[in-house]
C-alpha atoms as a PDB file:
ATOM      1  CA  MET A   1      26.420-161.423-109.668  1.00  0.00           C
ATOM      2  CA  GLU A   2      22.873-160.487-110.718  1.00  0.00           C
ATOM      3  CA  GLN A   3      21.725-160.531-107.084  1.00  0.00           C
ATOM      4  CA  LYS A   4      24.599-158.233-106.063  1.00  0.00           C
ATOM      5  CA  ALA A   5      23.837-155.851-108.910  1.00  0.00           C
ATOM      6  CA  GLU A   6      20.162-155.813-107.976  1.00  0.00           C
ATOM      7  CA  ARG A   7      21.060-155.119-104.347  1.00  0.00           C
ATOM      8  CA  ARG A   8      23.263-152.194-105.383  1.00  0.00           C
ATOM      9  CA  ARG A   9      20.483-150.782-107.564  1.00  0.00           C
ATOM     10  CA  GLY A  10      18.013-151.138-104.697  1.00  0.00           C
ATOM     11  CA  ILE A  11      20.253-149.305-102.253  1.00  0.00           C
ATOM     12  CA  GLN A  12      20.903-146.551-104.771  1.00  0.00           C
ATOM     13  CA  SER A  13      17.155-146.153-105.305  1.00  0.00           C
ATOM     14  CA  VAL A  14      16.638-145.643-101.580  1.00  0.00           C
ATOM     15  CA  GLU A  15      19.431-143.087-101.479  1.00  0.00           C
ATOM     16  CA  ILE A  16      17.953-141.136-104.386  1.00  0.00           C
ATOM     17  CA  GLY A  17      14.490-141.293-102.873  1.00  0.00           C
ATOM     18  CA  LEU A  18      15.813-139.898 -99.614  1.00  0.00           C
ATOM     19  CA  ARG A  19      17.626-137.173-101.544  1.00  0.00           C
ATOM     20  CA  VAL A  20      14.313-136.135-103.121  1.00  0.00           C
ATOM     21  CA  LEU A  21      12.612-136.179 -99.722  1.00  0.00           C
ATOM     22  CA  ASP A  22      15.428-134.123 -98.209  1.00  0.00           C
ATOM     23  CA  ALA A  23      15.082-131.583-101.036  1.00  0.00           C
ATOM     24  CA  LEU A  24      11.347-131.395-100.398  1.00  0.00           C
ATOM     25  CA  VAL A  25      11.954-130.737 -96.708  1.00  0.00           C
ATOM     26  CA  GLY A  26      14.743-128.251 -97.387  1.00  0.00           C
ATOM     27  CA  LEU A  27      12.565-126.106 -99.652  1.00  0.00           C
ATOM     28  CA  GLY A  28      10.450-125.331 -96.597  1.00  0.00           C
ATOM     29  CA  LYS A  29       7.103-125.054 -98.422  1.00  0.00           C
ATOM     30  CA  ALA A  30       4.925-126.752-101.015  1.00  0.00           C
ATOM     31  CA  SER A  31       6.959-126.627-104.219  1.00  0.00           C
ATOM     32  CA  PRO A  32       6.606-127.375-107.930  1.00  0.00           C
ATOM     33  CA  LEU A  33       8.300-130.336-109.554  1.00  0.00           C
ATOM     34  CA  SER A  34      10.910-128.125-111.220  1.00  0.00           C
ATOM     35  CA  ALA A  35      12.128-126.724-107.891  1.00  0.00           C
ATOM     36  CA  ILE A  36      12.319-130.172-106.297  1.00  0.00           C
ATOM     37  CA  ALA A  37      14.195-131.587-109.277  1.00  0.00           C
ATOM     38  CA  GLN A  38      16.689-128.735-109.165  1.00  0.00           C
ATOM     39  CA  ALA A  39      17.182-129.035-105.391  1.00  0.00           C
ATOM     40  CA  SER A  40      17.755-132.783-105.611  1.00  0.00           C
ATOM     41  CA  GLY A  41      19.984-132.577-108.696  1.00  0.00           C
ATOM     42  CA  LEU A  42      17.771-134.851-110.801  1.00  0.00           C
ATOM     43  CA  PRO A  43      16.008-134.561-114.168  1.00  0.00           C
ATOM     44  CA  ALA A  44      12.359-133.604-113.708  1.00  0.00           C
ATOM     45  CA  SER A  45      11.148-136.934-115.111  1.00  0.00           C
ATOM     46  CA  GLN A  46      13.243-138.902-112.617  1.00  0.00           C
ATOM     47  CA  ALA A  47      12.255-136.677-109.692  1.00  0.00           C
ATOM     48  CA  HIS A  48       8.595-137.162-110.680  1.00  0.00           C
ATOM     49  CA  ARG A  49       8.914-140.945-110.507  1.00  0.00           C
ATOM     50  CA  TYR A  50      10.440-140.791-107.037  1.00  0.00           C
ATOM     51  CA  LEU A  51       7.817-138.331-105.843  1.00  0.00           C
ATOM     52  CA  ALA A  52       5.112-140.714-107.034  1.00  0.00           C
ATOM     53  CA  SER A  53       6.629-143.490-104.918  1.00  0.00           C
ATOM     54  CA  LEU A  54       6.990-141.174-101.921  1.00  0.00           C
ATOM     55  CA  ILE A  55       3.307-140.236-102.223  1.00  0.00           C
ATOM     56  CA  VAL A  56       2.300-143.911-102.206  1.00  0.00           C
ATOM     57  CA  ALA A  57       4.390-144.373 -99.028  1.00  0.00           C
ATOM     58  CA  GLY A  58       2.827-141.308 -97.401  1.00  0.00           C
ATOM     59  CA  MET A  59       6.177-139.513 -97.269  1.00  0.00           C
ATOM     60  CA  ALA A  60       5.007-136.825 -99.695  1.00  0.00           C
ATOM     61  CA  ARG A  61       1.713-135.418-100.899  1.00  0.00           C
ATOM     62  CA  GLN A  62       0.520-133.413-103.882  1.00  0.00           C
ATOM     63  CA  ASP A  63      -2.024-130.615-103.804  1.00  0.00           C
ATOM     64  CA  ALA A  64      -4.704-131.377-106.371  1.00  0.00           C
ATOM     65  CA  ALA A  65      -5.385-127.720-107.163  1.00  0.00           C
ATOM     66  CA  SER A  66      -1.848-126.343-107.518  1.00  0.00           C
ATOM     67  CA  GLY A  67       0.037-129.537-108.377  1.00  0.00           C
ATOM     68  CA  ARG A  68       2.697-128.627-105.822  1.00  0.00           C
ATOM     69  CA  TYR A  69       4.351-131.221-103.615  1.00  0.00           C
ATOM     70  CA  ASP A  70       4.845-131.101 -99.866  1.00  0.00           C
ATOM     71  CA  VAL A  71       5.891-133.332 -96.974  1.00  0.00           C
ATOM     72  CA  GLY A  72       3.407-136.118 -96.302  1.00  0.00           C
ATOM     73  CA  PRO A  73       1.926-137.441 -93.043  1.00  0.00           C
ATOM     74  CA  ALA A  74       4.324-140.379 -92.789  1.00  0.00           C
ATOM     75  CA  ALA A  75       7.322-138.032 -93.018  1.00  0.00           C
ATOM     76  CA  LEU A  76       5.793-135.840 -90.319  1.00  0.00           C
ATOM     77  CA  ARG A  77       5.356-138.861 -88.043  1.00  0.00           C
ATOM     78  CA  LEU A  78       8.947-139.870 -88.715  1.00  0.00           C
ATOM     79  CA  GLY A  79      10.208-136.391 -87.870  1.00  0.00           C
ATOM     80  CA  LEU A  80       8.149-136.109 -84.700  1.00  0.00           C
ATOM     81  CA  GLY A  81       9.306-139.555 -83.614  1.00  0.00           C
ATOM     82  CA  ALA A  82      12.932-138.499 -84.071  1.00  0.00           C
ATOM     83  CA  LEU A  83      12.357-135.268 -82.141  1.00  0.00           C
ATOM     84  CA  ALA A  84      10.822-137.195 -79.244  1.00  0.00           C
ATOM     85  CA  ARG A  85      14.105-139.078 -78.913  1.00  0.00           C
ATOM     86  CA  ILE A  86      16.273-135.960 -78.790  1.00  0.00           C
ATOM     87  CA  ASP A  87      17.687-134.949 -75.432  1.00  0.00           C
ATOM     88  CA  ALA A  88      19.206-131.528 -76.001  1.00  0.00           C
ATOM     89  CA  VAL A  89      21.206-131.459 -72.783  1.00  0.00           C
ATOM     90  CA  GLN A  90      22.586-134.967 -73.321  1.00  0.00           C
ATOM     91  CA  ILE A  91      23.624-134.194 -76.903  1.00  0.00           C
ATOM     92  CA  THR A  92      25.212-130.902 -75.875  1.00  0.00           C
ATOM     93  CA  ASP A  93      26.961-132.398 -72.865  1.00  0.00           C
ATOM     94  CA  ALA A  94      28.511-135.176 -74.966  1.00  0.00           C
ATOM     95  CA  ALA A  95      29.702-132.780 -77.684  1.00  0.00           C
ATOM     96  CA  ILE A  96      31.111-130.208 -75.254  1.00  0.00           C
ATOM     97  CA  THR A  97      32.831-132.876 -73.150  1.00  0.00           C
ATOM     98  CA  ALA A  98      34.529-134.184 -76.301  1.00  0.00           C
ATOM     99  CA  TYR A  99      35.499-130.612 -77.217  1.00  0.00           C
ATOM    100  CA  SER A 100      37.048-130.033 -73.775  1.00  0.00           C
ATOM    101  CA  GLU A 101      39.013-133.255 -74.030  1.00  0.00           C
ATOM    102  CA  ARG A 102      40.355-132.256 -77.469  1.00  0.00           C
ATOM    103  CA  THR A 103      41.248-128.674 -76.649  1.00  0.00           C
ATOM    104  CA  GLY A 104      41.838-128.597 -72.888  1.00  0.00           C
ATOM    105  CA  ARG A 105      39.379-125.700 -72.543  1.00  0.00           C
ATOM    106  CA  THR A 106      37.100-125.374 -69.523  1.00  0.00           C
ATOM    107  CA  VAL A 107      33.489-124.938 -70.680  1.00  0.00           C
ATOM    108  CA  GLN A 108      30.222-124.332 -68.869  1.00  0.00           C
ATOM    109  CA  ILE A 109      26.802-125.078 -70.360  1.00  0.00           C
ATOM    110  CA  ALA A 110      23.910-122.904 -69.240  1.00  0.00           C
ATOM    111  CA  ALA A 111      20.157-122.666 -69.734  1.00  0.00           C
ATOM    112  CA  LEU A 112      17.805-119.766 -69.098  1.00  0.00           C
ATOM    113  CA  GLY A 113      16.023-120.529 -65.850  1.00  0.00           C
ATOM    114  CA  PRO A 114      13.382-118.565 -63.912  1.00  0.00           C
ATOM    115  CA  LEU A 115      16.062-116.627 -62.026  1.00  0.00           C
ATOM    116  CA  GLY A 116      18.302-116.054 -65.048  1.00  0.00           C
ATOM    117  CA  PRO A 117      21.042-117.891 -66.985  1.00  0.00           C
ATOM    118  CA  THR A 118      21.878-120.953 -64.888  1.00  0.00           C
ATOM    119  CA  ILE A 119      24.909-123.243 -65.161  1.00  0.00           C
ATOM    120  CA  ILE A 120      23.761-126.843 -65.719  1.00  0.00           C
ATOM    121  CA  ARG A 121      26.974-128.596 -66.827  1.00  0.00           C
ATOM    122  CA  TRP A 122      30.687-128.023 -66.313  1.00  0.00           C
ATOM    123  CA  SER A 123      33.506-129.568 -68.362  1.00  0.00           C
ATOM    124  CA  VAL A 124      36.870-129.055 -66.676  1.00  0.00           C
ATOM    125  CA  GLY A 125      39.844-128.440 -68.962  1.00  0.00           C
ATOM    126  CA  ARG A 126      43.626-128.822 -68.673  1.00  0.00           C
ATOM    127  CA  PRO A 127      44.678-127.000 -66.584  1.00  0.00           C
ATOM    128  CA  PRO A 128      41.304-126.402 -64.932  1.00  0.00           C
ATOM    129  CA  VAL A 129      39.977-122.857 -64.636  1.00  0.00           C
ATOM    130  CA  MET A 130      38.823-122.455 -61.058  1.00  0.00           C
ATOM    131  CA  THR A 131      36.054-119.995 -60.175  1.00  0.00           C
ATOM    132  CA  SER A 132      33.455-119.627 -57.447  1.00  0.00           C
ATOM    133  CA  PHE A 133      30.713-120.613 -59.903  1.00  0.00           C
ATOM    134  CA  ASN A 134      29.220-124.093 -59.763  1.00  0.00           C
ATOM    135  CA  ILE A 135      26.351-126.031 -61.274  1.00  0.00           C
ATOM    136  CA  GLY A 136      23.219-124.131 -60.264  1.00  0.00           C
ATOM    137  CA  SER A 137      24.940-120.723 -60.168  1.00  0.00           C
ATOM    138  CA  VAL A 138      22.873-117.953 -61.756  1.00  0.00           C
ATOM    139  CA  LEU A 139      24.750-115.481 -63.963  1.00  0.00           C
ATOM    140  CA  PRO A 140      23.842-111.878 -64.829  1.00  0.00           C
ATOM    141  CA  LEU A 141      22.533-110.941 -68.246  1.00  0.00           C
ATOM    142  CA  LEU A 142      24.620-107.822 -68.702  1.00  0.00           C
ATOM    143  CA  THR A 143      28.115-108.620 -67.438  1.00  0.00           C
ATOM    144  CA  SER A 144      28.573-112.330 -68.208  1.00  0.00           C
ATOM    145  CA  ALA A 145      29.206-113.769 -71.677  1.00  0.00           C
ATOM    146  CA  THR A 146      26.614-116.458 -70.948  1.00  0.00           C
ATOM    147  CA  GLY A 147      24.056-113.847 -69.947  1.00  0.00           C
ATOM    148  CA  GLN A 148      24.708-111.723 -73.013  1.00  0.00           C
ATOM    149  CA  ILE A 149      23.878-114.687 -75.250  1.00  0.00           C
ATOM    150  CA  PHE A 150      20.418-115.028 -73.701  1.00  0.00           C
ATOM    151  CA  LEU A 151      20.013-111.261 -73.564  1.00  0.00           C
ATOM    152  CA  SER A 152      20.528-111.143 -77.325  1.00  0.00           C
ATOM    153  CA  TYR A 153      18.748-114.284 -78.507  1.00  0.00           C
ATOM    154  CA  ALA A 154      15.966-115.066 -76.007  1.00  0.00           C
ATOM    155  CA  SER A 155      12.466-113.667 -76.402  1.00  0.00           C
ATOM    156  CA  ALA A 156      11.411-110.459 -74.665  1.00  0.00           C
ATOM    157  CA  ASN A 157       8.864-112.366 -72.569  1.00  0.00           C
ATOM    158  CA  GLU A 158      11.651-114.443 -71.063  1.00  0.00           C
ATOM    159  CA  ILE A 159      14.163-111.643 -70.631  1.00  0.00           C
ATOM    160  CA  GLU A 160      12.402-108.402 -69.769  1.00  0.00           C
ATOM    161  CA  PRO A 161      11.522-109.083 -66.093  1.00  0.00           C
ATOM    162  CA  LEU A 162      15.100-110.213 -65.409  1.00  0.00           C
ATOM    163  CA  LEU A 163      16.543-107.316 -67.384  1.00  0.00           C
ATOM    164  CA  ASP A 164      14.424-104.723 -65.567  1.00  0.00           C
ATOM    165  CA  ALA A 165      15.760-105.951 -62.217  1.00  0.00           C
ATOM    166  CA  GLU A 166      19.380-105.858 -63.411  1.00  0.00           C
ATOM    167  CA  LEU A 167      19.043-102.396 -64.904  1.00  0.00           C
ATOM    168  CA  ALA A 168      17.572-101.077 -61.693  1.00  0.00           C
ATOM    169  CA  ALA A 169      20.437-102.542 -59.680  1.00  0.00           C
ATOM    170  CA  SER A 170      23.291-101.682 -62.053  1.00  0.00           C
ATOM    171  CA  GLY A 171      22.331 -98.265 -63.321  1.00  0.00           C
ATOM    172  CA  GLN A 172      23.069 -99.273 -66.911  1.00  0.00           C
ATOM    173  CA  THR A 173      20.893 -97.837 -69.650  1.00  0.00           C
ATOM    174  CA  ARG A 174      18.732 -99.309 -72.380  1.00  0.00           C
ATOM    175  CA  GLU A 175      21.135 -97.802 -74.903  1.00  0.00           C
ATOM    176  CA  GLU A 176      23.954 -99.884 -73.411  1.00  0.00           C
ATOM    177  CA  VAL A 177      21.763-102.979 -73.563  1.00  0.00           C
ATOM    178  CA  GLU A 178      21.039-102.425 -77.240  1.00  0.00           C
ATOM    179  CA  ALA A 179      24.743-101.914 -77.925  1.00  0.00           C
ATOM    180  CA  ILE A 180      25.470-105.316 -76.344  1.00  0.00           C
ATOM    181  CA  ARG A 181      22.741-106.955 -78.409  1.00  0.00           C
ATOM    182  CA  ARG A 182      23.961-105.443 -81.669  1.00  0.00           C
ATOM    183  CA  ARG A 183      27.512-106.614 -81.013  1.00  0.00           C
ATOM    184  CA  VAL A 184      26.508-110.148 -80.042  1.00  0.00           C
ATOM    185  CA  LEU A 185      24.119-110.573 -82.965  1.00  0.00           C
ATOM    186  CA  ALA A 186      26.710-109.217 -85.395  1.00  0.00           C
ATOM    187  CA  GLU A 187      29.471-111.512 -84.130  1.00  0.00           C
ATOM    188  CA  GLY A 188      27.333-114.551 -83.270  1.00  0.00           C
ATOM    189  CA  MET A 189      29.080-114.800 -79.907  1.00  0.00           C
ATOM    190  CA  ALA A 190      29.594-112.909 -76.655  1.00  0.00           C
ATOM    191  CA  GLY A 191      32.864-112.152 -74.906  1.00  0.00           C
ATOM    192  CA  VAL A 192      33.748-110.478 -71.617  1.00  0.00           C
ATOM    193  CA  GLU A 193      36.936-110.040 -69.626  1.00  0.00           C
ATOM    194  CA  GLY A 194      37.244-109.291 -65.915  1.00  0.00           C
ATOM    195  CA  THR A 195      33.598-108.326 -65.483  1.00  0.00           C
ATOM    196  CA  MET A 196      32.773-111.359 -63.339  1.00  0.00           C
ATOM    197  CA  VAL A 197      36.155-112.338 -61.894  1.00  0.00           C
ATOM    198  CA  PRO A 198      39.378-110.290 -62.283  1.00  0.00           C
ATOM    199  CA  GLY A 199      41.543-111.819 -65.026  1.00  0.00           C
ATOM    200  CA  LEU A 200      38.833-114.233 -66.197  1.00  0.00           C
ATOM    201  CA  ARG A 201      37.937-114.241 -69.883  1.00  0.00           C
ATOM    202  CA  ALA A 202      34.763-115.846 -71.169  1.00  0.00           C
ATOM    203  CA  VAL A 203      33.537-116.459 -74.715  1.00  0.00           C
ATOM    204  CA  ALA A 204      30.026-117.835 -75.269  1.00  0.00           C
ATOM    205  CA  PHE A 205      28.040-119.209 -78.208  1.00  0.00           C
ATOM    206  CA  PRO A 206      24.313-119.969 -78.545  1.00  0.00           C
ATOM    207  CA  ILE A 207      22.821-123.400 -79.183  1.00  0.00           C
ATOM    208  CA  PHE A 208      19.501-123.374 -81.057  1.00  0.00           C
ATOM    209  CA  ASP A 209      16.630-125.854 -81.157  1.00  0.00           C
ATOM    210  CA  LEU A 210      14.229-126.783 -83.961  1.00  0.00           C
ATOM    211  CA  GLN A 211      12.188-123.606 -83.422  1.00  0.00           C
ATOM    212  CA  GLY A 212      15.233-121.352 -83.566  1.00  0.00           C
ATOM    213  CA  ARG A 213      15.292-120.678 -79.830  1.00  0.00           C
ATOM    214  CA  ALA A 214      18.620-120.296 -78.037  1.00  0.00           C
ATOM    215  CA  ILE A 215      17.876-122.942 -75.441  1.00  0.00           C
ATOM    216  CA  LEU A 216      21.471-123.380 -74.237  1.00  0.00           C
ATOM    217  CA  SER A 217      24.813-121.614 -74.310  1.00  0.00           C
ATOM    218  CA  ALA A 218      28.358-122.930 -74.171  1.00  0.00           C
ATOM    219  CA  THR A 219      30.970-120.672 -72.568  1.00  0.00           C
ATOM    220  CA  ALA A 220      34.733-121.260 -72.668  1.00  0.00           C
ATOM    221  CA  LEU A 221      36.708-119.805 -69.752  1.00  0.00           C
ATOM    222  CA  SER A 222      40.371-118.825 -69.633  1.00  0.00           C
ATOM    223  CA  THR A 223      42.773-116.722 -67.619  1.00  0.00           C
ATOM    224  CA  GLY A 224      45.853-114.654 -68.392  1.00  0.00           C
ATOM    225  CA  SER A 225      46.645-111.236 -69.722  1.00  0.00           C
ATOM    226  CA  ALA A 226      45.965-111.999 -73.392  1.00  0.00           C
ATOM    227  CA  MET A 227      44.303-114.632 -75.580  1.00  0.00           C
ATOM    228  CA  LEU A 228      46.955-116.957 -76.983  1.00  0.00           C
ATOM    229  CA  PRO A 229      46.863-118.197 -80.606  1.00  0.00           C
ATOM    230  CA  HIS A 230      45.757-121.699 -79.579  1.00  0.00           C
ATOM    231  CA  GLU A 231      42.873-120.141 -77.650  1.00  0.00           C
ATOM    232  CA  GLN A 232      41.734-118.288 -80.751  1.00  0.00           C
ATOM    233  CA  ALA A 233      41.701-121.549 -82.697  1.00  0.00           C
ATOM    234  CA  SER A 234      39.847-123.452 -79.972  1.00  0.00           C
ATOM    235  CA  THR A 235      37.336-120.608 -79.616  1.00  0.00           C
ATOM    236  CA  ALA A 236      36.549-120.873 -83.325  1.00  0.00           C
ATOM    237  CA  GLU A 237      36.197-124.631 -82.874  1.00  0.00           C
ATOM    238  CA  LEU A 238      33.720-124.083 -80.031  1.00  0.00           C
ATOM    239  CA  GLY A 239      31.612-121.969 -82.380  1.00  0.00           C
ATOM    240  CA  ARG A 240      31.639-124.753 -84.970  1.00  0.00           C
ATOM    241  CA  THR A 241      30.769-127.316 -82.294  1.00  0.00           C
ATOM    242  CA  CYS A 242      27.756-125.275 -81.174  1.00  0.00           C
ATOM    243  CA  ARG A 243      26.573-124.951 -84.780  1.00  0.00           C
ATOM    244  CA  LEU A 244      26.806-128.722 -85.238  1.00  0.00           C
ATOM    245  CA  ILE A 245      24.869-129.284 -82.007  1.00  0.00           C
ATOM    246  CA  SER A 246      22.156-126.918 -83.256  1.00  0.00           C
ATOM    247  CA  LEU A 247      21.900-128.919 -86.483  1.00  0.00           C
ATOM    248  CA  GLN A 248      21.552-132.132 -84.450  1.00  0.00           C
ATOM    249  CA  LEU A 249      18.694-130.514 -82.527  1.00  0.00           C
ATOM    250  CA  GLY A 250      16.866-129.792 -85.773  1.00  0.00           C
ATOM    251  CA  TYR A 251      17.801-126.150 -86.291  1.00  0.00           C
ATOM    252  CA  ALA A 252      17.747-125.297 -89.982  1.00  0.00           C
ATOM    253  CA  GLY A 253      18.331-121.547 -89.879  1.00  0.00           C
ATOM    254  CA  ASN A 254      21.493-119.604 -90.562  1.00  0.00           C
ATOM    255  CA  VAL A 255      24.023-119.435 -87.755  1.00  0.00           C
ATOM    256  CA  HIS A 256      26.802-116.852 -87.732  1.00  0.00           C
ATOM    257  CA  GLY A 257      29.898-118.400 -89.297  1.00  0.00           C
ATOM    258  CA  ASP A 258      28.066-120.687 -91.720  1.00  0.00           C
ATOM    259  CA  ASP A 259      29.167-120.473 -95.332  1.00  0.00           C
END
């Protein structure tokens, strides 16, 4: 019995120590003991004891001048090691495939390539939505839901050369571009209907990496004259799925739709 009790206490100690470390990471900067204790839900004296152990293990460090605590070198190595094992496309593909199987929605995954937003994965739903687009197809920034995601979230260095070419060919104005961006950023998603294929609706969400870059998009396709109630529910689920993928990729910022 004593051994079992000791084992339980040991496991609980690890859990509390990890909670303190998670609070330290979540604060995002060197922080005083009081802030760490509050974030981890512990009395200051207890948080101090765990911080002392984390410092010994190299998981935390304390600035001698300010007394503030921050993430230590061992925690940084642990985080970098975890990041090196992350395959964003593989994680996204698995999550979106599972989503398609649950909902029956057809979804394409795209990345921003040198020629523009490029389809890299395709999950066929039930019934399948058939289009002329395939893996490797490049989509426009202005008239596709996928493109509007990258138009709104990608950096100017990545977008401007592609955007200049599209504006010259389409005759659209910068004012129209800014209107698209404002709408997408306000809603956290992009939606178009009939702009690429008559009768085809598309709704897209961004997927962010550790640095807050929209490295991928997931776009659900559907046909018909109006969005049915089950489509509205599955569209909301796609947004939640993309937010969860972003968290798995290390993104810690706010995503539209988070509480």
